[in-house]
Amino acid sequence: MEESLIACVWSESLYKIYEPDDFAVFERWLSYYVNNWANCDTLCNHTIGFFLMKYPDYIIKLKDWAKSPNRWLRRAAAVTLIIPARKGLFLNDILEIADILLLDKEDLVQKGYGWMLKAASMSETFVKGDEQTKKKHLDLVFNYVVKNKTIMPRTALRYAIEKMPADLKTEAMKK
């Protein structure tokens, strides 16, 4: 655990000099060395998330990860987008990845994509005080959850609505 934390903190500290070829390194680390949720989240939230904000064309790779037999790649497809989601980025891609992961049986994957949806619903947006954009993101995520609540695993649903206003949470939880 200590070595992986050091590698993640170190790789994150280099975000200003990321280059496109770095993605293959991060993907290899994820495929071969990540074996628990803590390693997955530490590598993905900042290192790979920052990489995607710099090189957004690589988001297509996350959609491949979401279809992988490797549960850590599937979780990574979602948790990589937490920080970008908080910044109001990639909302359509977030919903597409949620669709791919919607019926995943792994609870850690369900928690990951629920967390991604929660982050998207709470978007800070780049323009501080842009309440219209914040409301739009909240509404889109809420509508997504309500549309899928009959098939969405309860774990993912609860994570997704955790920070929503009480009236929306109540509506989303109705049978």
N, C-alpha and C. Protein backbone atom coordinates (compact mmCIF):
# COMPACT_ATOMS: atom_id res chain seq x y z
N MET A 1 0.82 -1.20 0.00
CA MET A 1 0.00 0.00 0.00
C MET A 1 0.86 1.26 0.00
N GLU A 2 1.92 1.24 0.79
CA GLU A 2 2.75 2.44 0.90
C GLU A 2 3.39 2.78 -0.44
N GLU A 3 3.91 1.75 -1.12
CA GLU A 3 4.56 1.99 -2.41
C GLU A 3 3.58 2.54 -3.43
N SER A 4 2.37 2.00 -3.44
CA SER A 4 1.39 2.48 -4.42
C SER A 4 0.98 3.91 -4.11
N LEU A 5 0.84 4.24 -2.85
CA LEU A 5 0.50 5.62 -2.48
C LEU A 5 1.59 6.59 -2.93
N ILE A 6 2.84 6.20 -2.71
CA ILE A 6 3.96 7.05 -3.13
C ILE A 6 3.94 7.23 -4.65
N ALA A 7 3.73 6.14 -5.40
CA ALA A 7 3.68 6.22 -6.86
C ALA A 7 2.55 7.14 -7.33
N CYS A 8 1.40 7.04 -6.68
CA CYS A 8 0.25 7.87 -7.07
C CYS A 8 0.49 9.34 -6.76
N VAL A 9 1.00 9.63 -5.58
CA VAL A 9 1.28 11.02 -5.21
C VAL A 9 2.34 11.60 -6.13
N TRP A 10 3.37 10.81 -6.41
CA TRP A 10 4.44 11.26 -7.30
C TRP A 10 3.90 11.53 -8.70
N SER A 11 3.12 10.58 -9.24
CA SER A 11 2.61 10.75 -10.61
C SER A 11 1.65 11.93 -10.70
N GLU A 12 0.88 12.15 -9.64
CA GLU A 12 -0.02 13.31 -9.62
C GLU A 12 0.78 14.62 -9.62
N SER A 13 1.89 14.63 -8.92
CA SER A 13 2.68 15.87 -8.82
C SER A 13 3.27 16.30 -10.17
N LEU A 14 3.29 15.40 -11.12
CA LEU A 14 3.86 15.69 -12.44
C LEU A 14 2.80 16.14 -13.46
N TYR A 15 1.57 16.41 -13.01
CA TYR A 15 0.47 16.66 -13.94
C TYR A 15 0.75 17.77 -14.95
N LYS A 16 1.57 18.74 -14.59
CA LYS A 16 1.84 19.84 -15.52
C LYS A 16 2.66 19.39 -16.73
N ILE A 17 3.35 18.28 -16.61
CA ILE A 17 4.19 17.82 -17.72
C ILE A 17 3.70 16.50 -18.33
N TYR A 18 2.45 16.14 -18.04
CA TYR A 18 1.89 14.94 -18.67
C TYR A 18 1.98 15.08 -20.18
N GLU A 19 2.21 13.93 -20.82
CA GLU A 19 2.23 13.84 -22.27
C GLU A 19 1.29 12.70 -22.67
N PRO A 20 0.81 12.70 -23.90
CA PRO A 20 -0.14 11.66 -24.32
C PRO A 20 0.36 10.23 -24.07
N ASP A 21 1.64 9.98 -24.23
CA ASP A 21 2.17 8.63 -24.01
C ASP A 21 2.04 8.16 -22.56
N ASP A 22 1.84 9.08 -21.64
CA ASP A 22 1.71 8.71 -20.23
C ASP A 22 0.47 7.87 -19.97
N PHE A 23 -0.52 8.02 -20.83
CA PHE A 23 -1.75 7.26 -20.61
C PHE A 23 -1.48 5.76 -20.59
N ALA A 24 -0.64 5.30 -21.50
CA ALA A 24 -0.32 3.86 -21.55
C ALA A 24 0.33 3.39 -20.26
N VAL A 25 1.14 4.23 -19.66
CA VAL A 25 1.78 3.88 -18.37
C VAL A 25 0.71 3.77 -17.29
N PHE A 26 -0.17 4.77 -17.21
CA PHE A 26 -1.23 4.75 -16.18
C PHE A 26 -2.14 3.54 -16.38
N GLU A 27 -2.46 3.24 -17.61
CA GLU A 27 -3.33 2.10 -17.90
C GLU A 27 -2.64 0.79 -17.50
N ARG A 28 -1.35 0.68 -17.75
CA ARG A 28 -0.60 -0.52 -17.35
C ARG A 28 -0.59 -0.65 -15.83
N TRP A 29 -0.35 0.45 -15.11
CA TRP A 29 -0.38 0.40 -13.65
C TRP A 29 -1.74 -0.10 -13.17
N LEU A 30 -2.77 0.43 -13.76
CA LEU A 30 -4.13 0.06 -13.36
C LEU A 30 -4.40 -1.41 -13.65
N SER A 31 -3.97 -1.88 -14.79
CA SER A 31 -4.23 -3.27 -15.20
C SER A 31 -3.43 -4.29 -14.40
N TYR A 32 -2.20 -3.95 -14.04
CA TYR A 32 -1.31 -4.95 -13.44
C TYR A 32 -1.05 -4.78 -11.94
N TYR A 33 -1.22 -3.59 -11.42
CA TYR A 33 -0.83 -3.37 -10.03
C TYR A 33 -1.98 -3.00 -9.09
N VAL A 34 -3.06 -2.51 -9.62
CA VAL A 34 -4.19 -2.12 -8.76
C VAL A 34 -4.97 -3.38 -8.40
N ASN A 35 -5.13 -3.58 -7.08
CA ASN A 35 -5.85 -4.77 -6.63
C ASN A 35 -6.79 -4.48 -5.46
N ASN A 36 -7.09 -3.21 -5.24
CA ASN A 36 -8.07 -2.85 -4.21
C ASN A 36 -8.62 -1.46 -4.52
N TRP A 37 -9.72 -1.12 -3.85
CA TRP A 37 -10.39 0.15 -4.15
C TRP A 37 -9.53 1.36 -3.79
N ALA A 38 -8.73 1.26 -2.74
CA ALA A 38 -7.92 2.41 -2.32
C ALA A 38 -6.87 2.75 -3.38
N ASN A 39 -6.18 1.73 -3.89
CA ASN A 39 -5.20 1.97 -4.96
C ASN A 39 -5.89 2.52 -6.21
N CYS A 40 -7.03 1.94 -6.54
CA CYS A 40 -7.77 2.36 -7.73
C CYS A 40 -8.15 3.84 -7.62
N ASP A 41 -8.76 4.20 -6.51
CA ASP A 41 -9.24 5.57 -6.34
C ASP A 41 -8.09 6.57 -6.26
N THR A 42 -7.01 6.20 -5.59
CA THR A 42 -5.88 7.12 -5.45
C THR A 42 -5.24 7.40 -6.80
N LEU A 43 -5.06 6.38 -7.61
CA LEU A 43 -4.48 6.58 -8.93
C LEU A 43 -5.43 7.33 -9.86
N CYS A 44 -6.68 6.95 -9.83
CA CYS A 44 -7.63 7.48 -10.82
C CYS A 44 -8.13 8.89 -10.51
N ASN A 45 -8.48 9.16 -9.27
CA ASN A 45 -9.07 10.46 -8.95
C ASN A 45 -8.22 11.62 -9.42
N HIS A 46 -6.97 11.59 -9.10
CA HIS A 46 -6.12 12.73 -9.43
C HIS A 46 -5.24 12.49 -10.65
N THR A 47 -4.43 11.48 -10.61
CA THR A 47 -3.47 11.27 -11.70
C THR A 47 -4.18 11.14 -13.05
N ILE A 48 -5.04 10.14 -13.18
CA ILE A 48 -5.69 9.91 -14.47
C ILE A 48 -6.77 10.96 -14.73
N GLY A 49 -7.44 11.40 -13.68
CA GLY A 49 -8.43 12.47 -13.83
C GLY A 49 -7.81 13.76 -14.36
N PHE A 50 -6.66 14.14 -13.80
CA PHE A 50 -5.95 15.33 -14.29
C PHE A 50 -5.47 15.13 -15.72
N PHE A 51 -5.00 13.91 -16.02
CA PHE A 51 -4.57 13.61 -17.39
C PHE A 51 -5.73 13.86 -18.36
N LEU A 52 -6.92 13.37 -18.02
CA LEU A 52 -8.08 13.53 -18.92
C LEU A 52 -8.48 14.99 -19.09
N MET A 53 -8.31 15.78 -18.05
CA MET A 53 -8.64 17.20 -18.20
C MET A 53 -7.67 17.88 -19.17
N LYS A 54 -6.45 17.37 -19.22
CA LYS A 54 -5.45 17.92 -20.14
C LYS A 54 -5.62 17.33 -21.55
N TYR A 55 -5.98 16.05 -21.63
CA TYR A 55 -6.12 15.34 -22.91
C TYR A 55 -7.49 14.66 -22.98
N PRO A 56 -8.55 15.44 -23.17
CA PRO A 56 -9.90 14.87 -23.11
C PRO A 56 -10.22 13.83 -24.18
N ASP A 57 -9.44 13.76 -25.24
CA ASP A 57 -9.71 12.75 -26.27
C ASP A 57 -9.56 11.33 -25.74
N TYR A 58 -8.85 11.18 -24.64
CA TYR A 58 -8.62 9.84 -24.07
C TYR A 58 -9.83 9.32 -23.30
N ILE A 59 -10.87 10.11 -23.17
CA ILE A 59 -12.04 9.64 -22.43
C ILE A 59 -12.66 8.41 -23.10
N ILE A 60 -12.45 8.27 -24.39
CA ILE A 60 -12.94 7.09 -25.10
C ILE A 60 -12.38 5.81 -24.49
N LYS A 61 -11.18 5.86 -23.96
CA LYS A 61 -10.56 4.69 -23.32
C LYS A 61 -11.36 4.26 -22.09
N LEU A 62 -11.94 5.22 -21.38
CA LEU A 62 -12.72 4.88 -20.18
C LEU A 62 -13.94 4.04 -20.56
N LYS A 63 -14.48 4.30 -21.72
CA LYS A 63 -15.64 3.53 -22.16
C LYS A 63 -15.24 2.07 -22.45
N ASP A 64 -14.02 1.88 -22.91
CA ASP A 64 -13.50 0.51 -23.07
C ASP A 64 -13.29 -0.13 -21.70
N TRP A 65 -12.73 0.64 -20.77
CA TRP A 65 -12.51 0.12 -19.42
C TRP A 65 -13.83 -0.33 -18.79
N ALA A 66 -14.89 0.44 -19.03
CA ALA A 66 -16.19 0.12 -18.43
C ALA A 66 -16.72 -1.23 -18.89
N LYS A 67 -16.21 -1.74 -20.00
CA LYS A 67 -16.65 -3.04 -20.54
C LYS A 67 -15.66 -4.16 -20.21
N SER A 68 -14.64 -3.86 -19.46
CA SER A 68 -13.58 -4.83 -19.17
C SER A 68 -14.05 -5.91 -18.18
N PRO A 69 -13.50 -7.11 -18.29
CA PRO A 69 -13.76 -8.12 -17.26
C PRO A 69 -13.06 -7.78 -15.93
N ASN A 70 -12.08 -6.89 -15.97
CA ASN A 70 -11.33 -6.49 -14.78
C ASN A 70 -12.16 -5.46 -13.99
N ARG A 71 -12.59 -5.83 -12.79
CA ARG A 71 -13.44 -4.93 -12.01
C ARG A 71 -12.76 -3.62 -11.67
N TRP A 72 -11.43 -3.63 -11.54
CA TRP A 72 -10.73 -2.38 -11.20
C TRP A 72 -10.72 -1.42 -12.38
N LEU A 73 -10.67 -1.95 -13.59
CA LEU A 73 -10.79 -1.09 -14.77
C LEU A 73 -12.20 -0.53 -14.87
N ARG A 74 -13.20 -1.36 -14.57
CA ARG A 74 -14.59 -0.87 -14.60
C ARG A 74 -14.79 0.22 -13.56
N ARG A 75 -14.29 0.01 -12.34
CA ARG A 75 -14.41 1.05 -11.31
C ARG A 75 -13.64 2.30 -11.75
N ALA A 76 -12.46 2.09 -12.33
CA ALA A 76 -11.62 3.22 -12.79
C ALA A 76 -12.34 4.05 -13.83
N ALA A 77 -13.14 3.42 -14.69
CA ALA A 77 -13.88 4.16 -15.71
C ALA A 77 -14.75 5.24 -15.07
N ALA A 78 -15.25 4.95 -13.89
CA ALA A 78 -16.11 5.91 -13.18
C ALA A 78 -15.31 6.85 -12.28
N VAL A 79 -14.47 6.31 -11.42
CA VAL A 79 -13.83 7.17 -10.42
C VAL A 79 -12.79 8.11 -11.02
N THR A 80 -12.31 7.82 -12.22
CA THR A 80 -11.41 8.75 -12.91
C THR A 80 -12.12 10.07 -13.19
N LEU A 81 -13.43 10.03 -13.31
CA LEU A 81 -14.18 11.23 -13.68
C LEU A 81 -14.70 12.04 -12.49
N ILE A 82 -14.37 11.66 -11.27
CA ILE A 82 -14.88 12.37 -10.09
C ILE A 82 -14.48 13.85 -10.11
N ILE A 83 -13.20 14.14 -10.20
CA ILE A 83 -12.74 15.53 -10.16
C ILE A 83 -13.20 16.30 -11.40
N PRO A 84 -13.05 15.72 -12.61
CA PRO A 84 -13.61 16.45 -13.76
C PRO A 84 -15.12 16.71 -13.62
N ALA A 85 -15.85 15.74 -13.07
CA ALA A 85 -17.30 15.92 -12.88
C ALA A 85 -17.59 17.08 -11.94
N ARG A 86 -16.82 17.20 -10.89
CA ARG A 86 -17.01 18.31 -9.95
C ARG A 86 -16.77 19.65 -10.61
N LYS A 87 -15.98 19.66 -11.67
CA LYS A 87 -15.69 20.88 -12.40
C LYS A 87 -16.69 21.11 -13.54
N GLY A 88 -17.67 20.25 -13.64
CA GLY A 88 -18.69 20.41 -14.66
C GLY A 88 -18.30 19.85 -16.02
N LEU A 89 -17.29 19.01 -16.07
CA LEU A 89 -16.79 18.47 -17.33
C LEU A 89 -17.39 17.10 -17.65
N PHE A 90 -17.46 16.80 -18.92
CA PHE A 90 -17.74 15.46 -19.44
C PHE A 90 -19.10 14.87 -19.04
N LEU A 91 -20.11 15.70 -18.85
CA LEU A 91 -21.39 15.18 -18.36
C LEU A 91 -21.98 14.12 -19.28
N ASN A 92 -21.96 14.34 -20.59
CA ASN A 92 -22.51 13.33 -21.50
C ASN A 92 -21.74 12.02 -21.42
N ASP A 93 -20.41 12.12 -21.32
CA ASP A 93 -19.59 10.91 -21.19
C ASP A 93 -19.87 10.19 -19.87
N ILE A 94 -20.08 10.97 -18.82
CA ILE A 94 -20.39 10.40 -17.50
C ILE A 94 -21.68 9.58 -17.58
N LEU A 95 -22.70 10.13 -18.22
CA LEU A 95 -23.96 9.41 -18.34
C LEU A 95 -23.81 8.18 -19.24
N GLU A 96 -22.98 8.27 -20.26
CA GLU A 96 -22.73 7.12 -21.13
C GLU A 96 -22.01 6.01 -20.36
N ILE A 97 -21.03 6.36 -19.56
CA ILE A 97 -20.32 5.37 -18.75
C ILE A 97 -21.25 4.77 -17.70
N ALA A 98 -22.10 5.60 -17.12
CA ALA A 98 -23.09 5.09 -16.16
C ALA A 98 -24.00 4.06 -16.84
N ASP A 99 -24.39 4.34 -18.09
CA ASP A 99 -25.21 3.37 -18.84
C ASP A 99 -24.48 2.04 -18.99
N ILE A 100 -23.21 2.11 -19.33
CA ILE A 100 -22.43 0.87 -19.52
C ILE A 100 -22.33 0.08 -18.21
N LEU A 101 -22.17 0.80 -17.10
CA LEU A 101 -21.98 0.15 -15.79
C LEU A 101 -23.28 -0.10 -15.04
N LEU A 102 -24.39 0.34 -15.60
CA LEU A 102 -25.67 0.35 -14.89
C LEU A 102 -26.02 -0.95 -14.18
N LEU A 103 -25.81 -2.07 -14.82
CA LEU A 103 -26.22 -3.36 -14.24
C LEU A 103 -25.05 -4.17 -13.70
N ASP A 104 -23.91 -3.54 -13.52
CA ASP A 104 -22.73 -4.24 -13.02
C ASP A 104 -23.05 -4.87 -11.66
N LYS A 105 -22.60 -6.10 -11.47
CA LYS A 105 -22.89 -6.86 -10.24
C LYS A 105 -21.93 -6.56 -9.09
N GLU A 106 -20.76 -6.01 -9.39
CA GLU A 106 -19.75 -5.73 -8.35
C GLU A 106 -20.14 -4.50 -7.53
N ASP A 107 -20.22 -4.66 -6.22
CA ASP A 107 -20.62 -3.53 -5.39
C ASP A 107 -19.62 -2.38 -5.45
N LEU A 108 -18.33 -2.67 -5.60
CA LEU A 108 -17.34 -1.59 -5.67
C LEU A 108 -17.45 -0.81 -6.98
N VAL A 109 -17.91 -1.45 -8.02
CA VAL A 109 -18.17 -0.75 -9.29
C VAL A 109 -19.44 0.09 -9.14
N GLN A 110 -20.47 -0.48 -8.50
CA GLN A 110 -21.71 0.26 -8.26
C GLN A 110 -21.43 1.52 -7.43
N LYS A 111 -20.64 1.38 -6.38
CA LYS A 111 -20.29 2.53 -5.55
C LYS A 111 -19.50 3.55 -6.37
N GLY A 112 -18.62 3.08 -7.24
CA GLY A 112 -17.82 3.98 -8.07
C GLY A 112 -18.66 4.80 -9.02
N TYR A 113 -19.59 4.15 -9.73
CA TYR A 113 -20.37 4.95 -10.68
C TYR A 113 -21.44 5.77 -9.97
N GLY A 114 -21.90 5.31 -8.81
CA GLY A 114 -22.80 6.15 -8.01
C GLY A 114 -22.10 7.43 -7.54
N TRP A 115 -20.85 7.27 -7.12
CA TRP A 115 -20.03 8.41 -6.68
C TRP A 115 -19.80 9.37 -7.86
N MET A 116 -19.54 8.82 -9.04
CA MET A 116 -19.35 9.65 -10.23
C MET A 116 -20.61 10.46 -10.52
N LEU A 117 -21.78 9.84 -10.43
CA LEU A 117 -23.04 10.55 -10.66
C LEU A 117 -23.26 11.62 -9.60
N LYS A 118 -22.94 11.30 -8.35
CA LYS A 118 -23.07 12.29 -7.28
C LYS A 118 -22.19 13.50 -7.56
N ALA A 119 -20.94 13.26 -7.95
CA ALA A 119 -20.02 14.36 -8.26
C ALA A 119 -20.56 15.21 -9.41
N ALA A 120 -21.12 14.56 -10.42
CA ALA A 120 -21.67 15.30 -11.57
C ALA A 120 -22.86 16.14 -11.15
N SER A 121 -23.65 15.65 -10.21
CA SER A 121 -24.84 16.40 -9.78
C SER A 121 -24.47 17.61 -8.92
N MET A 122 -23.27 17.62 -8.37
CA MET A 122 -22.83 18.70 -7.48
C MET A 122 -21.80 19.61 -8.15
N SER A 123 -21.75 19.58 -9.45
CA SER A 123 -20.76 20.31 -10.23
C SER A 123 -20.51 21.72 -9.72
N GLU A 124 -19.22 22.05 -9.50
CA GLU A 124 -18.83 23.41 -9.11
C GLU A 124 -18.95 24.35 -10.29
N THR A 125 -18.73 23.85 -11.46
CA THR A 125 -18.61 24.58 -12.72
C THR A 125 -17.43 25.54 -12.67
N PHE A 126 -16.90 25.83 -13.83
CA PHE A 126 -15.75 26.72 -13.91
C PHE A 126 -16.12 28.15 -13.56
N VAL A 127 -17.32 28.55 -13.90
CA VAL A 127 -17.76 29.91 -13.61
C VAL A 127 -18.45 29.88 -12.26
N LYS A 128 -17.80 30.43 -11.26
CA LYS A 128 -18.39 30.42 -9.92
C LYS A 128 -19.74 31.14 -9.94
N GLY A 129 -20.67 30.55 -9.26
CA GLY A 129 -21.98 31.17 -9.16
C GLY A 129 -22.86 30.91 -10.37
N ASP A 130 -22.46 30.07 -11.28
CA ASP A 130 -23.28 29.76 -12.45
C ASP A 130 -24.36 28.76 -12.02
N GLU A 131 -25.38 29.28 -11.37
CA GLU A 131 -26.43 28.44 -10.80
C GLU A 131 -27.22 27.70 -11.86
N GLN A 132 -27.36 28.28 -13.05
CA GLN A 132 -28.10 27.60 -14.12
C GLN A 132 -27.40 26.31 -14.52
N THR A 133 -26.09 26.36 -14.66
CA THR A 133 -25.34 25.16 -15.04
C THR A 133 -25.40 24.13 -13.92
N LYS A 134 -25.22 24.58 -12.68
CA LYS A 134 -25.31 23.65 -11.55
C LYS A 134 -26.67 22.96 -11.53
N LYS A 135 -27.73 23.73 -11.68
CA LYS A 135 -29.09 23.18 -11.66
C LYS A 135 -29.28 22.22 -12.84
N LYS A 136 -28.76 22.58 -14.00
CA LYS A 136 -28.88 21.71 -15.17
C LYS A 136 -28.22 20.36 -14.91
N HIS A 137 -27.04 20.38 -14.33
CA HIS A 137 -26.34 19.12 -14.04
C HIS A 137 -27.10 18.30 -13.01
N LEU A 138 -27.57 18.95 -11.96
CA LEU A 138 -28.36 18.26 -10.94
C LEU A 138 -29.60 17.65 -11.57
N ASP A 139 -30.31 18.43 -12.39
CA ASP A 139 -31.53 17.93 -13.03
C ASP A 139 -31.24 16.75 -13.95
N LEU A 140 -30.17 16.84 -14.73
CA LEU A 140 -29.83 15.75 -15.65
C LEU A 140 -29.50 14.46 -14.89
N VAL A 141 -28.73 14.58 -13.83
CA VAL A 141 -28.39 13.39 -13.04
C VAL A 141 -29.63 12.86 -12.33
N PHE A 142 -30.43 13.74 -11.75
CA PHE A 142 -31.66 13.30 -11.09
C PHE A 142 -32.56 12.56 -12.09
N ASN A 143 -32.76 13.14 -13.27
CA ASN A 143 -33.60 12.50 -14.28
C ASN A 143 -33.03 11.15 -14.71
N TYR A 144 -31.72 11.07 -14.80
CA TYR A 144 -31.07 9.80 -15.14
C TYR A 144 -31.37 8.75 -14.07
N VAL A 145 -31.22 9.13 -12.81
CA VAL A 145 -31.46 8.20 -11.71
C VAL A 145 -32.92 7.75 -11.69
N VAL A 146 -33.84 8.70 -11.82
CA VAL A 146 -35.27 8.36 -11.78
C VAL A 146 -35.64 7.44 -12.95
N LYS A 147 -35.09 7.75 -14.12
CA LYS A 147 -35.37 6.93 -15.30
C LYS A 147 -34.90 5.48 -15.11
N ASN A 148 -33.81 5.31 -14.38
CA ASN A 148 -33.20 3.98 -14.24
C ASN A 148 -33.41 3.34 -12.87
N LYS A 149 -34.15 3.98 -11.99
CA LYS A 149 -34.20 3.50 -10.60
C LYS A 149 -34.79 2.10 -10.45
N THR A 150 -35.58 1.65 -11.38
CA THR A 150 -36.15 0.30 -11.24
C THR A 150 -35.14 -0.80 -11.55
N ILE A 151 -34.08 -0.45 -12.28
CA ILE A 151 -33.06 -1.46 -12.59
C ILE A 151 -31.70 -1.15 -11.97
N MET A 152 -31.51 0.09 -11.55
CA MET A 152 -30.22 0.50 -10.96
C MET A 152 -30.06 -0.17 -9.60
N PRO A 153 -28.90 -0.77 -9.35
CA PRO A 153 -28.68 -1.35 -8.03
C PRO A 153 -28.83 -0.28 -6.94
N ARG A 154 -29.42 -0.67 -5.85
CA ARG A 154 -29.70 0.26 -4.74
C ARG A 154 -28.42 0.95 -4.26
N THR A 155 -27.31 0.23 -4.26
CA THR A 155 -26.04 0.81 -3.82
C THR A 155 -25.67 2.00 -4.68
N ALA A 156 -25.73 1.84 -6.00
CA ALA A 156 -25.40 2.94 -6.92
C ALA A 156 -26.38 4.09 -6.76
N LEU A 157 -27.65 3.76 -6.65
CA LEU A 157 -28.68 4.80 -6.51
C LEU A 157 -28.44 5.64 -5.25
N ARG A 158 -28.21 4.98 -4.14
CA ARG A 158 -28.00 5.71 -2.88
C ARG A 158 -26.76 6.61 -2.93
N TYR A 159 -25.68 6.12 -3.53
CA TYR A 159 -24.49 6.96 -3.68
C TYR A 159 -24.80 8.17 -4.56
N ALA A 160 -25.51 7.94 -5.67
CA ALA A 160 -25.79 9.00 -6.63
C ALA A 160 -26.62 10.13 -6.03
N ILE A 161 -27.55 9.80 -5.15
CA ILE A 161 -28.47 10.83 -4.63
C ILE A 161 -28.06 11.36 -3.25
N GLU A 162 -26.97 10.88 -2.72
CA GLU A 162 -26.57 11.18 -1.35
C GLU A 162 -26.58 12.67 -1.01
N LYS A 163 -26.13 13.53 -1.90
CA LYS A 163 -26.02 14.97 -1.61
C LYS A 163 -27.12 15.80 -2.27
N MET A 164 -28.10 15.14 -2.85
CA MET A 164 -29.19 15.87 -3.49
C MET A 164 -30.11 16.46 -2.43
N PRO A 165 -30.87 17.50 -2.78
CA PRO A 165 -31.85 18.05 -1.84
C PRO A 165 -32.84 16.96 -1.39
N ALA A 166 -33.35 17.11 -0.19
CA ALA A 166 -34.21 16.09 0.43
C ALA A 166 -35.40 15.70 -0.44
N ASP A 167 -36.05 16.66 -1.07
CA ASP A 167 -37.22 16.34 -1.89
C ASP A 167 -36.85 15.47 -3.09
N LEU A 168 -35.69 15.72 -3.69
CA LEU A 168 -35.25 14.90 -4.82
C LEU A 168 -34.85 13.50 -4.36
N LYS A 169 -34.18 13.42 -3.20
CA LYS A 169 -33.83 12.11 -2.66
C LYS A 169 -35.07 11.27 -2.39
N THR A 170 -36.07 11.89 -1.79
CA THR A 170 -37.32 11.18 -1.49
C THR A 170 -37.96 10.67 -2.77
N GLU A 171 -38.02 11.53 -3.78
CA GLU A 171 -38.61 11.13 -5.06
C GLU A 171 -37.82 9.99 -5.69
N ALA A 172 -36.52 10.06 -5.66
CA ALA A 172 -35.68 9.02 -6.26
C ALA A 172 -35.82 7.69 -5.53
N MET A 173 -36.09 7.71 -4.26
CA MET A 173 -36.17 6.48 -3.47
C MET A 173 -37.55 5.83 -3.52
N LYS A 174 -38.56 6.53 -4.05
CA LYS A 174 -39.88 5.94 -4.14
C LYS A 174 -39.85 4.69 -4.99
N LYS A 175 -40.61 3.69 -4.56
CA LYS A 175 -40.70 2.42 -5.33
C LYS A 175 -41.51 2.62 -6.58
